[in-house]
Amino acid sequence: MNAPLLLFPGAGTSAAHPSLVAVEAAVAPQRTVVRADFPYRRAGRRAPDRAPVLVQAVRDEAAPLLAAGNGLVLGGRSMGGRMCSMAVGDAADPLPATALV
C-alpha cells in the first residue's frame, strides 16, 4: 500500500482550503489523504500558536498514520508545509516521513 498523505493548511486557512481539497482529489485514488487543522483553528482562534506547538501538532496527527507501518508523506500549504519540514528536519527527534510535499 502507498504511504498516506497528511496535509496541513496555511496560517489563515483551514484544512478545507481549496488547494488542499484539490490535492486530495488528485491523489486520493492512489493513497489515503488526511487533511488536518492545527489546534488553534480547532479552538476557533485566528492567530497561530508558536512553532513548537504547531510542530507537535504535526507529530500528533502523524503518529497514528505512522503506526500503520506504511510510511508517511507530509506536506501542506505555506505555514503547514513549513511545520512539516521542521518536524522532519528536527535534529534531535526527526519525524520519519517518506517524503515532503
PDB file of N, CA and C in Angstrom:
ATOM      1  N   MET A   1       0.840  -1.192   0.000  1.00  0.00           N
ATOM      2  CA  MET A   1       0.000   0.000   0.000  1.00  0.00           C
ATOM      3  C   MET A   1       0.877   1.244   0.000  1.00  0.00           C
ATOM      4  N   ASN A   2       0.413   2.295  -0.615  1.00  0.00           N
ATOM      5  CA  ASN A   2       1.136   3.560  -0.648  1.00  0.00           C
ATOM      6  C   ASN A   2       1.091   4.251   0.705  1.00  0.00           C
ATOM      7  N   ALA A   3       2.123   5.010   0.990  1.00  0.00           N
ATOM      8  CA  ALA A   3       2.153   5.795   2.226  1.00  0.00           C
ATOM      9  C   ALA A   3       1.026   6.820   2.203  1.00  0.00           C
ATOM     10  N   PRO A   4       0.330   6.997   3.326  1.00  0.00           N
ATOM     11  CA  PRO A   4      -0.709   8.029   3.376  1.00  0.00           C
ATOM     12  C   PRO A   4      -0.097   9.422   3.273  1.00  0.00           C
ATOM     13  N   LEU A   5      -0.916  10.368   2.851  1.00  0.00           N
ATOM     14  CA  LEU A   5      -0.512  11.771   2.712  1.00  0.00           C
ATOM     15  C   LEU A   5      -1.231  12.583   3.772  1.00  0.00           C
ATOM     16  N   LEU A   6      -0.468  13.285   4.606  1.00  0.00           N
ATOM     17  CA  LEU A   6      -1.010  14.152   5.654  1.00  0.00           C
ATOM     18  C   LEU A   6      -0.738  15.593   5.260  1.00  0.00           C
ATOM     19  N   LEU A   7      -1.801  16.382   5.124  1.00  0.00           N
ATOM     20  CA  LEU A   7      -1.697  17.769   4.662  1.00  0.00           C
ATOM     21  C   LEU A   7      -2.159  18.755   5.730  1.00  0.00           C
ATOM     22  N   PHE A   8      -1.437  19.868   5.843  1.00  0.00           N
ATOM     23  CA  PHE A   8      -1.783  20.940   6.773  1.00  0.00           C
ATOM     24  C   PHE A   8      -1.963  22.253   6.012  1.00  0.00           C
ATOM     25  N   PRO A   9      -2.863  23.119   6.486  1.00  0.00           N
ATOM     26  CA  PRO A   9      -3.137  24.384   5.809  1.00  0.00           C
ATOM     27  C   PRO A   9      -2.164  25.491   6.193  1.00  0.00           C
ATOM     28  N   GLY A  10      -2.300  26.597   5.485  1.00  0.00           N
ATOM     29  CA  GLY A  10      -1.570  27.806   5.844  1.00  0.00           C
ATOM     30  C   GLY A  10      -2.165  28.446   7.090  1.00  0.00           C
ATOM     31  N   ALA A  11      -1.504  29.476   7.585  1.00  0.00           N
ATOM     32  CA  ALA A  11      -1.884  30.106   8.851  1.00  0.00           C
ATOM     33  C   ALA A  11      -3.292  30.685   8.855  1.00  0.00           C
ATOM     34  N   GLY A  12      -3.721  31.253   7.754  1.00  0.00           N
ATOM     35  CA  GLY A  12      -5.011  31.923   7.736  1.00  0.00           C
ATOM     36  C   GLY A  12      -6.156  31.090   7.212  1.00  0.00           C
ATOM     37  N   THR A  13      -5.927  29.792   7.012  1.00  0.00           N
ATOM     38  CA  THR A  13      -6.959  28.952   6.422  1.00  0.00           C
ATOM     39  C   THR A  13      -7.145  27.678   7.230  1.00  0.00           C
ATOM     40  N   SER A  14      -8.095  26.882   6.784  1.00  0.00           N
ATOM     41  CA  SER A  14      -8.357  25.604   7.440  1.00  0.00           C
ATOM     42  C   SER A  14      -8.022  24.462   6.493  1.00  0.00           C
ATOM     43  N   ALA A  15      -8.216  23.257   6.970  1.00  0.00           N
ATOM     44  CA  ALA A  15      -7.969  22.072   6.156  1.00  0.00           C
ATOM     45  C   ALA A  15      -8.937  21.974   4.982  1.00  0.00           C
ATOM     46  N   ALA A  16      -9.975  22.795   4.985  1.00  0.00           N
ATOM     47  CA  ALA A  16     -10.941  22.810   3.883  1.00  0.00           C
ATOM     48  C   ALA A  16     -10.522  23.758   2.759  1.00  0.00           C
ATOM     49  N   HIS A  17      -9.323  24.326   2.836  1.00  0.00           N
ATOM     50  CA  HIS A  17      -8.859  25.251   1.804  1.00  0.00           C
ATOM     51  C   HIS A  17      -8.898  24.559   0.440  1.00  0.00           C
ATOM     52  N   PRO A  18      -9.345  25.269  -0.595  1.00  0.00           N
ATOM     53  CA  PRO A  18      -9.477  24.654  -1.924  1.00  0.00           C
ATOM     54  C   PRO A  18      -8.199  23.999  -2.454  1.00  0.00           C
ATOM     55  N   SER A  19      -7.045  24.537  -2.120  1.00  0.00           N
ATOM     56  CA  SER A  19      -5.811  23.920  -2.627  1.00  0.00           C
ATOM     57  C   SER A  19      -5.586  22.544  -1.999  1.00  0.00           C
ATOM     58  N   LEU A  20      -5.876  22.395  -0.722  1.00  0.00           N
ATOM     59  CA  LEU A  20      -5.710  21.091  -0.073  1.00  0.00           C
ATOM     60  C   LEU A  20      -6.772  20.107  -0.554  1.00  0.00           C
ATOM     61  N   VAL A  21      -7.982  20.592  -0.757  1.00  0.00           N
ATOM     62  CA  VAL A  21      -9.055  19.742  -1.285  1.00  0.00           C
ATOM     63  C   VAL A  21      -8.683  19.254  -2.687  1.00  0.00           C
ATOM     64  N   ALA A  22      -8.097  20.126  -3.495  1.00  0.00           N
ATOM     65  CA  ALA A  22      -7.693  19.752  -4.849  1.00  0.00           C
ATOM     66  C   ALA A  22      -6.577  18.710  -4.830  1.00  0.00           C
ATOM     67  N   VAL A  23      -5.616  18.883  -3.935  1.00  0.00           N
ATOM     68  CA  VAL A  23      -4.540  17.892  -3.832  1.00  0.00           C
ATOM     69  C   VAL A  23      -5.133  16.545  -3.417  1.00  0.00           C
ATOM     70  N   GLU A  24      -6.027  16.574  -2.450  1.00  0.00           N
ATOM     71  CA  GLU A  24      -6.659  15.329  -2.022  1.00  0.00           C
ATOM     72  C   GLU A  24      -7.386  14.662  -3.186  1.00  0.00           C
ATOM     73  N   ALA A  25      -8.152  15.421  -3.938  1.00  0.00           N
ATOM     74  CA  ALA A  25      -8.892  14.858  -5.070  1.00  0.00           C
ATOM     75  C   ALA A  25      -7.952  14.259  -6.112  1.00  0.00           C
ATOM     76  N   ALA A  26      -6.803  14.892  -6.304  1.00  0.00           N
ATOM     77  CA  ALA A  26      -5.857  14.423  -7.318  1.00  0.00           C
ATOM     78  C   ALA A  26      -5.148  13.136  -6.917  1.00  0.00           C
ATOM     79  N   VAL A  27      -4.859  12.962  -5.632  1.00  0.00           N
ATOM     80  CA  VAL A  27      -4.071  11.796  -5.222  1.00  0.00           C
ATOM     81  C   VAL A  27      -4.876  10.718  -4.505  1.00  0.00           C
ATOM     82  N   ALA A  28      -6.110  11.006  -4.113  1.00  0.00           N
ATOM     83  CA  ALA A  28      -6.915  10.044  -3.360  1.00  0.00           C
ATOM     84  C   ALA A  28      -7.060   8.687  -4.050  1.00  0.00           C
ATOM     85  N   PRO A  29      -7.134   8.619  -5.364  1.00  0.00           N
ATOM     86  CA  PRO A  29      -7.226   7.270  -5.954  1.00  0.00           C
ATOM     87  C   PRO A  29      -5.987   6.403  -5.690  1.00  0.00           C
ATOM     88  N   GLN A  30      -4.838   7.019  -5.418  1.00  0.00           N
ATOM     89  CA  GLN A  30      -3.616   6.249  -5.206  1.00  0.00           C
ATOM     90  C   GLN A  30      -3.259   6.053  -3.733  1.00  0.00           C
ATOM     91  N   ARG A  31      -3.772   6.898  -2.854  1.00  0.00           N
ATOM     92  CA  ARG A  31      -3.368   6.790  -1.447  1.00  0.00           C
ATOM     93  C   ARG A  31      -4.397   7.442  -0.538  1.00  0.00           C
ATOM     94  N   THR A  32      -4.332   7.104   0.732  1.00  0.00           N
ATOM     95  CA  THR A  32      -5.154   7.735   1.753  1.00  0.00           C
ATOM     96  C   THR A  32      -4.656   9.153   1.968  1.00  0.00           C
ATOM     97  N   VAL A  33      -5.571  10.107   2.034  1.00  0.00           N
ATOM     98  CA  VAL A  33      -5.221  11.501   2.272  1.00  0.00           C
ATOM     99  C   VAL A  33      -5.952  11.970   3.528  1.00  0.00           C
ATOM    100  N   VAL A  34      -5.202  12.609   4.423  1.00  0.00           N
ATOM    101  CA  VAL A  34      -5.777  13.199   5.633  1.00  0.00           C
ATOM    102  C   VAL A  34      -5.447  14.684   5.619  1.00  0.00           C
ATOM    103  N   ARG A  35      -6.479  15.518   5.683  1.00  0.00           N
ATOM    104  CA  ARG A  35      -6.285  16.966   5.829  1.00  0.00           C
ATOM    105  C   ARG A  35      -6.538  17.295   7.291  1.00  0.00           C
ATOM    106  N   ALA A  36      -5.589  17.974   7.925  1.00  0.00           N
ATOM    107  CA  ALA A  36      -5.681  18.248   9.361  1.00  0.00           C
ATOM    108  C   ALA A  36      -5.596  19.741   9.646  1.00  0.00           C
ATOM    109  N   ASP A  37      -6.314  20.169  10.656  1.00  0.00           N
ATOM    110  CA  ASP A  37      -6.213  21.543  11.145  1.00  0.00           C
ATOM    111  C   ASP A  37      -5.289  21.593  12.348  1.00  0.00           C
ATOM    112  N   PHE A  38      -4.663  22.727  12.546  1.00  0.00           N
ATOM    113  CA  PHE A  38      -3.846  22.941  13.732  1.00  0.00           C
ATOM    114  C   PHE A  38      -4.758  23.217  14.930  1.00  0.00           C
ATOM    115  N   PRO A  39      -4.261  23.011  16.147  1.00  0.00           N
ATOM    116  CA  PRO A  39      -5.105  23.181  17.339  1.00  0.00           C
ATOM    117  C   PRO A  39      -5.752  24.564  17.453  1.00  0.00           C
ATOM    118  N   TYR A  40      -5.054  25.628  17.077  1.00  0.00           N
ATOM    119  CA  TYR A  40      -5.638  26.964  17.226  1.00  0.00           C
ATOM    120  C   TYR A  40      -6.874  27.116  16.342  1.00  0.00           C
ATOM    121  N   ARG A  41      -6.879  26.475  15.181  1.00  0.00           N
ATOM    122  CA  ARG A  41      -8.046  26.536  14.295  1.00  0.00           C
ATOM    123  C   ARG A  41      -9.200  25.730  14.867  1.00  0.00           C
ATOM    124  N   ARG A  42      -8.884  24.560  15.404  1.00  0.00           N
ATOM    125  CA  ARG A  42      -9.934  23.728  16.009  1.00  0.00           C
ATOM    126  C   ARG A  42     -10.550  24.430  17.209  1.00  0.00           C
ATOM    127  N   ALA A  43      -9.756  25.271  17.878  1.00  0.00           N
ATOM    128  CA  ALA A  43     -10.251  26.024  19.047  1.00  0.00           C
ATOM    129  C   ALA A  43     -10.979  27.296  18.639  1.00  0.00           C
ATOM    130  N   GLY A  44     -11.017  27.600  17.346  1.00  0.00           N
ATOM    131  CA  GLY A  44     -11.717  28.783  16.864  1.00  0.00           C
ATOM    132  C   GLY A  44     -10.910  30.066  16.919  1.00  0.00           C
ATOM    133  N   ARG A  45      -9.594  29.945  17.167  1.00  0.00           N
ATOM    134  CA  ARG A  45      -8.740  31.130  17.201  1.00  0.00           C
ATOM    135  C   ARG A  45      -8.188  31.407  15.809  1.00  0.00           C
ATOM    136  N   ARG A  46      -7.880  32.661  15.548  1.00  0.00           N
ATOM    137  CA  ARG A  46      -7.333  33.045  14.244  1.00  0.00           C
ATOM    138  C   ARG A  46      -5.813  33.094  14.233  1.00  0.00           C
ATOM    139  N   ALA A  47      -5.218  33.441  15.357  1.00  0.00           N
ATOM    140  CA  ALA A  47      -3.755  33.571  15.418  1.00  0.00           C
ATOM    141  C   ALA A  47      -3.107  32.220  15.695  1.00  0.00           C
ATOM    142  N   PRO A  48      -2.089  31.881  14.908  1.00  0.00           N
ATOM    143  CA  PRO A  48      -1.405  30.599  15.112  1.00  0.00           C
ATOM    144  C   PRO A  48      -0.645  30.550  16.429  1.00  0.00           C
ATOM    145  N   ASP A  49      -0.492  29.344  16.922  1.00  0.00           N
ATOM    146  CA  ASP A  49       0.375  29.102  18.069  1.00  0.00           C
ATOM    147  C   ASP A  49       1.826  29.255  17.620  1.00  0.00           C
ATOM    148  N   ARG A  50       2.735  29.221  18.564  1.00  0.00           N
ATOM    149  CA  ARG A  50       4.163  29.247  18.252  1.00  0.00           C
ATOM    150  C   ARG A  50       4.579  27.934  17.602  1.00  0.00           C
ATOM    151  N   ALA A  51       5.700  27.966  16.912  1.00  0.00           N
ATOM    152  CA  ALA A  51       6.177  26.817  16.141  1.00  0.00           C
ATOM    153  C   ALA A  51       6.254  25.510  16.945  1.00  0.00           C
ATOM    154  N   PRO A  52       6.758  25.510  18.175  1.00  0.00           N
ATOM    155  CA  PRO A  52       6.835  24.226  18.889  1.00  0.00           C
ATOM    156  C   PRO A  52       5.465  23.549  19.054  1.00  0.00           C
ATOM    157  N   VAL A  53       4.432  24.332  19.280  1.00  0.00           N
ATOM    158  CA  VAL A  53       3.079  23.774  19.413  1.00  0.00           C
ATOM    159  C   VAL A  53       2.605  23.236  18.070  1.00  0.00           C
ATOM    160  N   LEU A  54       2.885  23.962  17.009  1.00  0.00           N
ATOM    161  CA  LEU A  54       2.458  23.541  15.673  1.00  0.00           C
ATOM    162  C   LEU A  54       3.197  22.288  15.217  1.00  0.00           C
ATOM    163  N   VAL A  55       4.486  22.224  15.479  1.00  0.00           N
ATOM    164  CA  VAL A  55       5.272  21.042  15.119  1.00  0.00           C
ATOM    165  C   VAL A  55       4.769  19.832  15.912  1.00  0.00           C
ATOM    166  N   GLN A  56       4.445  20.039  17.170  1.00  0.00           N
ATOM    167  CA  GLN A  56       3.905  18.932  17.971  1.00  0.00           C
ATOM    168  C   GLN A  56       2.562  18.460  17.405  1.00  0.00           C
ATOM    169  N   ALA A  57       1.772  19.388  16.905  1.00  0.00           N
ATOM    170  CA  ALA A  57       0.501  19.011  16.282  1.00  0.00           C
ATOM    171  C   ALA A  57       0.738  18.128  15.065  1.00  0.00           C
ATOM    172  N   VAL A  58       1.771  18.448  14.279  1.00  0.00           N
ATOM    173  CA  VAL A  58       2.122  17.602  13.135  1.00  0.00           C
ATOM    174  C   VAL A  58       2.483  16.206  13.632  1.00  0.00           C
ATOM    175  N   ARG A  59       3.306  16.142  14.667  1.00  0.00           N
ATOM    176  CA  ARG A  59       3.706  14.853  15.232  1.00  0.00           C
ATOM    177  C   ARG A  59       2.493  14.063  15.729  1.00  0.00           C
ATOM    178  N   ASP A  60       1.588  14.752  16.414  1.00  0.00           N
ATOM    179  CA  ASP A  60       0.404  14.089  16.971  1.00  0.00           C
ATOM    180  C   ASP A  60      -0.495  13.529  15.873  1.00  0.00           C
ATOM    181  N   GLU A  61      -0.684  14.306  14.811  1.00  0.00           N
ATOM    182  CA  GLU A  61      -1.522  13.840  13.694  1.00  0.00           C
ATOM    183  C   GLU A  61      -0.834  12.716  12.926  1.00  0.00           C
ATOM    184  N   ALA A  62       0.487  12.757  12.855  1.00  0.00           N
ATOM    185  CA  ALA A  62       1.240  11.757  12.108  1.00  0.00           C
ATOM    186  C   ALA A  62       1.332  10.419  12.835  1.00  0.00           C
ATOM    187  N   ALA A  63       1.310  10.433  14.152  1.00  0.00           N
ATOM    188  CA  ALA A  63       1.555   9.221  14.944  1.00  0.00           C
ATOM    189  C   ALA A  63       0.668   8.037  14.547  1.00  0.00           C
ATOM    190  N   PRO A  64      -0.654   8.197  14.473  1.00  0.00           N
ATOM    191  CA  PRO A  64      -1.459   7.013  14.119  1.00  0.00           C
ATOM    192  C   PRO A  64      -1.232   6.546  12.667  1.00  0.00           C
ATOM    193  N   LEU A  65      -0.904   7.469  11.793  1.00  0.00           N
ATOM    194  CA  LEU A  65      -0.629   7.089  10.405  1.00  0.00           C
ATOM    195  C   LEU A  65       0.695   6.325  10.305  1.00  0.00           C
ATOM    196  N   LEU A  66       1.688   6.760  11.068  1.00  0.00           N
ATOM    197  CA  LEU A  66       2.974   6.060  11.087  1.00  0.00           C
ATOM    198  C   LEU A  66       2.848   4.685  11.735  1.00  0.00           C
ATOM    199  N   ALA A  67       1.974   4.570  12.724  1.00  0.00           N
ATOM    200  CA  ALA A  67       1.800   3.301  13.433  1.00  0.00           C
ATOM    201  C   ALA A  67       1.299   2.198  12.514  1.00  0.00           C
ATOM    202  N   ALA A  68       0.632   2.570  11.432  1.00  0.00           N
ATOM    203  CA  ALA A  68       0.126   1.570  10.489  1.00  0.00           C
ATOM    204  C   ALA A  68       1.260   0.883   9.723  1.00  0.00           C
ATOM    205  N   GLY A  69       2.451   1.496   9.724  1.00  0.00           N
ATOM    206  CA  GLY A  69       3.619   0.868   9.122  1.00  0.00           C
ATOM    207  C   GLY A  69       3.762   0.999   7.619  1.00  0.00           C
ATOM    208  N   ASN A  70       3.047   1.933   7.021  1.00  0.00           N
ATOM    209  CA  ASN A  70       3.129   2.117   5.573  1.00  0.00           C
ATOM    210  C   ASN A  70       3.919   3.347   5.174  1.00  0.00           C
ATOM    211  N   GLY A  71       4.625   3.960   6.098  1.00  0.00           N
ATOM    212  CA  GLY A  71       5.318   5.202   5.818  1.00  0.00           C
ATOM    213  C   GLY A  71       4.360   6.376   5.904  1.00  0.00           C
ATOM    214  N   LEU A  72       4.840   7.553   5.539  1.00  0.00           N
ATOM    215  CA  LEU A  72       4.020   8.759   5.618  1.00  0.00           C
ATOM    216  C   LEU A  72       4.607   9.824   4.708  1.00  0.00           C
ATOM    217  N   VAL A  73       3.739  10.460   3.937  1.00  0.00           N
ATOM    218  CA  VAL A  73       4.110  11.625   3.145  1.00  0.00           C
ATOM    219  C   VAL A  73       3.478  12.821   3.835  1.00  0.00           C
ATOM    220  N   LEU A  74       4.271  13.846   4.104  1.00  0.00           N
ATOM    221  CA  LEU A  74       3.806  15.048   4.800  1.00  0.00           C
ATOM    222  C   LEU A  74       3.865  16.246   3.881  1.00  0.00           C
ATOM    223  N   GLY A  75       2.965  17.177   4.094  1.00  0.00           N
ATOM    224  CA  GLY A  75       3.041  18.402   3.325  1.00  0.00           C
ATOM    225  C   GLY A  75       1.960  19.379   3.707  1.00  0.00           C
ATOM    226  N   GLY A  76       1.968  20.489   3.021  1.00  0.00           N
ATOM    227  CA  GLY A  76       0.970  21.495   3.303  1.00  0.00           C
ATOM    228  C   GLY A  76       1.203  22.749   2.515  1.00  0.00           C
ATOM    229  N   ARG A  77       0.385  23.686   2.831  1.00  0.00           N
ATOM    230  CA  ARG A  77       0.386  24.974   2.164  1.00  0.00           C
ATOM    231  C   ARG A  77       1.022  25.988   3.098  1.00  0.00           C
ATOM    232  N   SER A  78       2.025  26.684   2.641  1.00  0.00           N
ATOM    233  CA  SER A  78       2.652  27.774   3.377  1.00  0.00           C
ATOM    234  C   SER A  78       3.088  27.318   4.769  1.00  0.00           C
ATOM    235  N   MET A  79       2.482  27.869   5.821  1.00  0.00           N
ATOM    236  CA  MET A  79       2.888  27.538   7.178  1.00  0.00           C
ATOM    237  C   MET A  79       2.775  26.040   7.447  1.00  0.00           C
ATOM    238  N   GLY A  80       1.761  25.398   6.911  1.00  0.00           N
ATOM    239  CA  GLY A  80       1.603  23.962   7.113  1.00  0.00           C
ATOM    240  C   GLY A  80       2.788  23.184   6.572  1.00  0.00           C
ATOM    241  N   GLY A  81       3.255  23.559   5.400  1.00  0.00           N
ATOM    242  CA  GLY A  81       4.434  22.919   4.824  1.00  0.00           C
ATOM    243  C   GLY A  81       5.686  23.178   5.638  1.00  0.00           C
ATOM    244  N   ARG A  82       5.820  24.417   6.141  1.00  0.00           N
ATOM    245  CA  ARG A  82       6.989  24.744   6.973  1.00  0.00           C
ATOM    246  C   ARG A  82       7.012  23.915   8.244  1.00  0.00           C
ATOM    247  N   MET A  83       5.865  23.756   8.894  1.00  0.00           N
ATOM    248  CA  MET A  83       5.823  22.985  10.133  1.00  0.00           C
ATOM    249  C   MET A  83       6.141  21.514   9.877  1.00  0.00           C
ATOM    250  N   CYS A  84       5.678  20.974   8.754  1.00  0.00           N
ATOM    251  CA  CYS A  84       6.025  19.599   8.394  1.00  0.00           C
ATOM    252  C   CYS A  84       7.520  19.471   8.172  1.00  0.00           C
ATOM    253  N   SER A  85       8.106  20.434   7.472  1.00  0.00           N
ATOM    254  CA  SER A  85       9.555  20.429   7.232  1.00  0.00           C
ATOM    255  C   SER A  85      10.331  20.515   8.538  1.00  0.00           C
ATOM    256  N   MET A  86       9.847  21.323   9.460  1.00  0.00           N
ATOM    257  CA  MET A  86      10.524  21.455  10.754  1.00  0.00           C
ATOM    258  C   MET A  86      10.443  20.151  11.542  1.00  0.00           C
ATOM    259  N   ALA A  87       9.316  19.456  11.476  1.00  0.00           N
ATOM    260  CA  ALA A  87       9.172  18.186  12.192  1.00  0.00           C
ATOM    261  C   ALA A  87      10.123  17.135  11.623  1.00  0.00           C
ATOM    262  N   VAL A  88      10.240  17.085  10.315  1.00  0.00           N
ATOM    263  CA  VAL A  88      11.123  16.113   9.662  1.00  0.00           C
ATOM    264  C   VAL A  88      12.592  16.483   9.874  1.00  0.00           C
ATOM    265  N   GLY A  89      12.887  17.767   9.883  1.00  0.00           N
ATOM    266  CA  GLY A  89      14.266  18.232   9.998  1.00  0.00           C
ATOM    267  C   GLY A  89      14.769  18.417  11.413  1.00  0.00           C
ATOM    268  N   ASP A  90      13.975  18.060  12.402  1.00  0.00           N
ATOM    269  CA  ASP A  90      14.372  18.200  13.809  1.00  0.00           C
ATOM    270  C   ASP A  90      15.562  17.280  14.090  1.00  0.00           C
ATOM    271  N   ALA A  91      16.728  17.862  14.318  1.00  0.00           N
ATOM    272  CA  ALA A  91      17.951  17.080  14.520  1.00  0.00           C
ATOM    273  C   ALA A  91      17.864  16.152  15.735  1.00  0.00           C
ATOM    274  N   ALA A  92      17.173  16.577  16.768  1.00  0.00           N
ATOM    275  CA  ALA A  92      17.082  15.777  17.988  1.00  0.00           C
ATOM    276  C   ALA A  92      16.095  14.615  17.861  1.00  0.00           C
ATOM    277  N   ASP A  93      15.017  14.814  17.105  1.00  0.00           N
ATOM    278  CA  ASP A  93      13.976  13.797  17.003  1.00  0.00           C
ATOM    279  C   ASP A  93      13.232  13.949  15.671  1.00  0.00           C
ATOM    280  N   PRO A  94      13.868  13.586  14.549  1.00  0.00           N
ATOM    281  CA  PRO A  94      13.219  13.791  13.253  1.00  0.00           C
ATOM    282  C   PRO A  94      11.997  12.890  13.068  1.00  0.00           C
ATOM    283  N   LEU A  95      10.937  13.454  12.529  1.00  0.00           N
ATOM    284  CA  LEU A  95       9.751  12.671  12.197  1.00  0.00           C
ATOM    285  C   LEU A  95      10.083  11.860  10.934  1.00  0.00           C
ATOM    286  N   PRO A  96       9.901  10.551  10.958  1.00  0.00           N
ATOM    287  CA  PRO A  96      10.335   9.711   9.831  1.00  0.00           C
ATOM    288  C   PRO A  96       9.349   9.715   8.666  1.00  0.00           C
ATOM    289  N   ALA A  97       9.356  10.761   7.895  1.00  0.00           N
ATOM    290  CA  ALA A  97       8.484  10.858   6.716  1.00  0.00           C
ATOM    291  C   ALA A  97       9.182  10.227   5.514  1.00  0.00           C
ATOM    292  N   THR A  98       8.383   9.618   4.662  1.00  0.00           N
ATOM    293  CA  THR A  98       8.877   9.066   3.415  1.00  0.00           C
ATOM    294  C   THR A  98       9.202  10.166   2.428  1.00  0.00           C
ATOM    295  N   ALA A  99       8.381  11.243   2.473  1.00  0.00           N
ATOM    296  CA  ALA A  99       8.565  12.361   1.556  1.00  0.00           C
ATOM    297  C   ALA A  99       7.875  13.603   2.119  1.00  0.00           C
ATOM    298  N   LEU A 100       8.283  14.757   1.609  1.00  0.00           N
ATOM    299  CA  LEU A 100       7.647  16.046   1.913  1.00  0.00           C
ATOM    300  C   LEU A 100       7.111  16.642   0.620  1.00  0.00           C
ATOM    301  N   VAL A 101       5.901  17.203   0.674  1.00  0.00           N
ATOM    302  CA  VAL A 101       5.338  17.882  -0.491  1.00  0.00           C
ATOM    303  C   VAL A 101       4.783  19.217  -0.071  1.00  0.00           C
TER     304      VAL A 101
END
